[in-house]
PDB file of N, CA and C in Angstrom:
ATOM      1  N   MET A   1      44.264  88.375 -62.799  1.00  0.00           N
ATOM      2  CA  MET A   1      45.509  88.715 -63.504  1.00  0.00           C
ATOM      3  C   MET A   1      45.470  88.112 -64.902  1.00  0.00           C
ATOM      4  N   HIS A   2      45.242  88.981 -65.888  1.00  0.00           N
ATOM      5  CA  HIS A   2      45.163  88.494 -67.260  1.00  0.00           C
ATOM      6  C   HIS A   2      46.405  88.910 -68.033  1.00  0.00           C
ATOM      7  N   ALA A   3      46.958  87.978 -68.793  1.00  0.00           N
ATOM      8  CA  ALA A   3      48.143  88.281 -69.590  1.00  0.00           C
ATOM      9  C   ALA A   3      47.790  88.252 -71.070  1.00  0.00           C
ATOM     10  N   PRO A   4      47.602  89.420 -71.668  1.00  0.00           N
ATOM     11  CA  PRO A   4      47.239  89.520 -73.085  1.00  0.00           C
ATOM     12  C   PRO A   4      48.419  89.221 -74.003  1.00  0.00           C
ATOM     13  N   THR A   5      49.597  89.077 -73.405  1.00  0.00           N
ATOM     14  CA  THR A   5      50.795  88.819 -74.195  1.00  0.00           C
ATOM     15  C   THR A   5      50.863  87.362 -74.612  1.00  0.00           C
ATOM     16  N   ASP A   6      51.537  87.091 -75.701  1.00  0.00           N
ATOM     17  CA  ASP A   6      51.650  85.720 -76.197  1.00  0.00           C
ATOM     18  C   ASP A   6      52.416  84.858 -75.193  1.00  0.00           C
ATOM     19  N   ASN A   7      53.398  85.470 -74.539  1.00  0.00           N
ATOM     20  CA  ASN A   7      54.183  84.760 -73.536  1.00  0.00           C
ATOM     21  C   ASN A   7      53.283  84.334 -72.390  1.00  0.00           C
ATOM     22  N   GLY A   8      52.405  85.220 -71.985  1.00  0.00           N
ATOM     23  CA  GLY A   8      51.494  84.910 -70.891  1.00  0.00           C
ATOM     24  C   GLY A   8      50.548  83.787 -71.267  1.00  0.00           C
ATOM     25  N   ARG A   9      50.051  83.838 -72.503  1.00  0.00           N
ATOM     26  CA  ARG A   9      49.115  82.799 -72.952  1.00  0.00           C
ATOM     27  C   ARG A   9      49.823  81.457 -73.036  1.00  0.00           C
ATOM     28  N   ALA A  10      51.059  81.473 -73.498  1.00  0.00           N
ATOM     29  CA  ALA A  10      51.822  80.231 -73.601  1.00  0.00           C
ATOM     30  C   ALA A  10      52.055  79.666 -72.198  1.00  0.00           C
ATOM     31  N   PHE A  11      52.300  80.569 -71.257  1.00  0.00           N
ATOM     32  CA  PHE A  11      52.542  80.165 -69.874  1.00  0.00           C
ATOM     33  C   PHE A  11      51.300  79.511 -69.282  1.00  0.00           C
ATOM     34  N   VAL A  12      50.156  80.153 -69.494  1.00  0.00           N
ATOM     35  CA  VAL A  12      48.896  79.627 -68.973  1.00  0.00           C
ATOM     36  C   VAL A  12      48.539  78.318 -69.658  1.00  0.00           C
ATOM     37  N   ASP A  13      48.738  78.287 -70.977  1.00  0.00           N
ATOM     38  CA  ASP A  13      48.391  77.091 -71.738  1.00  0.00           C
ATOM     39  C   ASP A  13      49.279  75.917 -71.335  1.00  0.00           C
ATOM     40  N   ALA A  14      50.512  76.235 -70.941  1.00  0.00           N
ATOM     41  CA  ALA A  14      51.455  75.192 -70.543  1.00  0.00           C
ATOM     42  C   ALA A  14      51.085  74.624 -69.164  1.00  0.00           C
ATOM     43  N   ARG A  15      50.651  75.499 -68.272  1.00  0.00           N
ATOM     44  CA  ARG A  15      50.325  75.048 -66.922  1.00  0.00           C
ATOM     45  C   ARG A  15      48.903  74.511 -66.842  1.00  0.00           C
ATOM     46  N   TYR A  16      48.005  75.177 -67.560  1.00  0.00           N
ATOM     47  CA  TYR A  16      46.601  74.769 -67.524  1.00  0.00           C
ATOM     48  C   TYR A  16      46.091  74.543 -68.938  1.00  0.00           C
ATOM     49  N   PRO A  17      46.282  73.345 -69.474  1.00  0.00           N
ATOM     50  CA  PRO A  17      45.849  73.002 -70.831  1.00  0.00           C
ATOM     51  C   PRO A  17      44.357  73.246 -71.018  1.00  0.00           C
ATOM     52  N   GLY A  18      44.042  74.105 -71.983  1.00  0.00           N
ATOM     53  CA  GLY A  18      42.640  74.340 -72.295  1.00  0.00           C
ATOM     54  C   GLY A  18      41.995  75.383 -71.391  1.00  0.00           C
ATOM     55  N   LEU A  19      42.778  75.977 -70.497  1.00  0.00           N
ATOM     56  CA  LEU A  19      42.202  76.961 -69.584  1.00  0.00           C
ATOM     57  C   LEU A  19      41.739  78.198 -70.339  1.00  0.00           C
ATOM     58  N   ARG A  20      42.604  78.711 -71.195  1.00  0.00           N
ATOM     59  CA  ARG A  20      42.239  79.919 -71.944  1.00  0.00           C
ATOM     60  C   ARG A  20      41.049  79.647 -72.862  1.00  0.00           C
ATOM     61  N   ILE A  21      40.907  78.406 -73.304  1.00  0.00           N
ATOM     62  CA  ILE A  21      39.758  78.044 -74.140  1.00  0.00           C
ATOM     63  C   ILE A  21      38.493  78.134 -73.296  1.00  0.00           C
ATOM     64  N   ALA A  22      38.584  77.677 -72.071  1.00  0.00           N
ATOM     65  CA  ALA A  22      37.438  77.738 -71.166  1.00  0.00           C
ATOM     66  C   ALA A  22      37.081  79.185 -70.869  1.00  0.00           C
ATOM     67  N   ILE A  23      38.103  80.013 -70.702  1.00  0.00           N
ATOM     68  CA  ILE A  23      37.882  81.436 -70.444  1.00  0.00           C
ATOM     69  C   ILE A  23      37.198  82.075 -71.640  1.00  0.00           C
ATOM     70  N   ARG A  24      37.629  81.684 -72.827  1.00  0.00           N
ATOM     71  CA  ARG A  24      37.021  82.219 -74.041  1.00  0.00           C
ATOM     72  C   ARG A  24      35.557  81.815 -74.115  1.00  0.00           C
ATOM     73  N   ALA A  25      35.279  80.578 -73.714  1.00  0.00           N
ATOM     74  CA  ALA A  25      33.905  80.083 -73.749  1.00  0.00           C
ATOM     75  C   ALA A  25      33.043  80.875 -72.764  1.00  0.00           C
ATOM     76  N   ARG A  26      33.619  81.197 -71.617  1.00  0.00           N
ATOM     77  CA  ARG A  26      32.886  81.952 -70.603  1.00  0.00           C
ATOM     78  C   ARG A  26      32.615  83.372 -71.087  1.00  0.00           C
ATOM     79  N   ARG A  27      33.545  83.913 -71.852  1.00  0.00           N
ATOM     80  CA  ARG A  27      33.394  85.276 -72.347  1.00  0.00           C
ATOM     81  C   ARG A  27      32.511  85.307 -73.588  1.00  0.00           C
ATOM     82  N   GLY A  28      32.232  84.118 -74.120  1.00  0.00           N
ATOM     83  CA  GLY A  28      31.355  84.041 -75.283  1.00  0.00           C
ATOM     84  C   GLY A  28      32.146  84.062 -76.575  1.00  0.00           C
ATOM     85  N   GLY A  29      33.437  83.743 -76.472  1.00  0.00           N
ATOM     86  CA  GLY A  29      34.266  83.755 -77.679  1.00  0.00           C
ATOM     87  C   GLY A  29      34.731  82.353 -78.002  1.00  0.00           C
ATOM     88  N   VAL A  30      33.794  81.450 -78.173  1.00  0.00           N
ATOM     89  CA  VAL A  30      34.139  80.061 -78.461  1.00  0.00           C
ATOM     90  C   VAL A  30      34.722  79.960 -79.864  1.00  0.00           C
ATOM     91  N   VAL A  31      35.934  79.422 -79.938  1.00  0.00           N
ATOM     92  CA  VAL A  31      36.596  79.321 -81.242  1.00  0.00           C
ATOM     93  C   VAL A  31      36.765  77.844 -81.587  1.00  0.00           C
TER      94      VAL A  31
END
């Protein structure tokens, strides 16, 4: 379940700090 919305990202970032960053790293989009 991926939430491309800003609200979804804020929700994930709030519950799992750095999770979306890890996902980006896995996808090869290290920022």
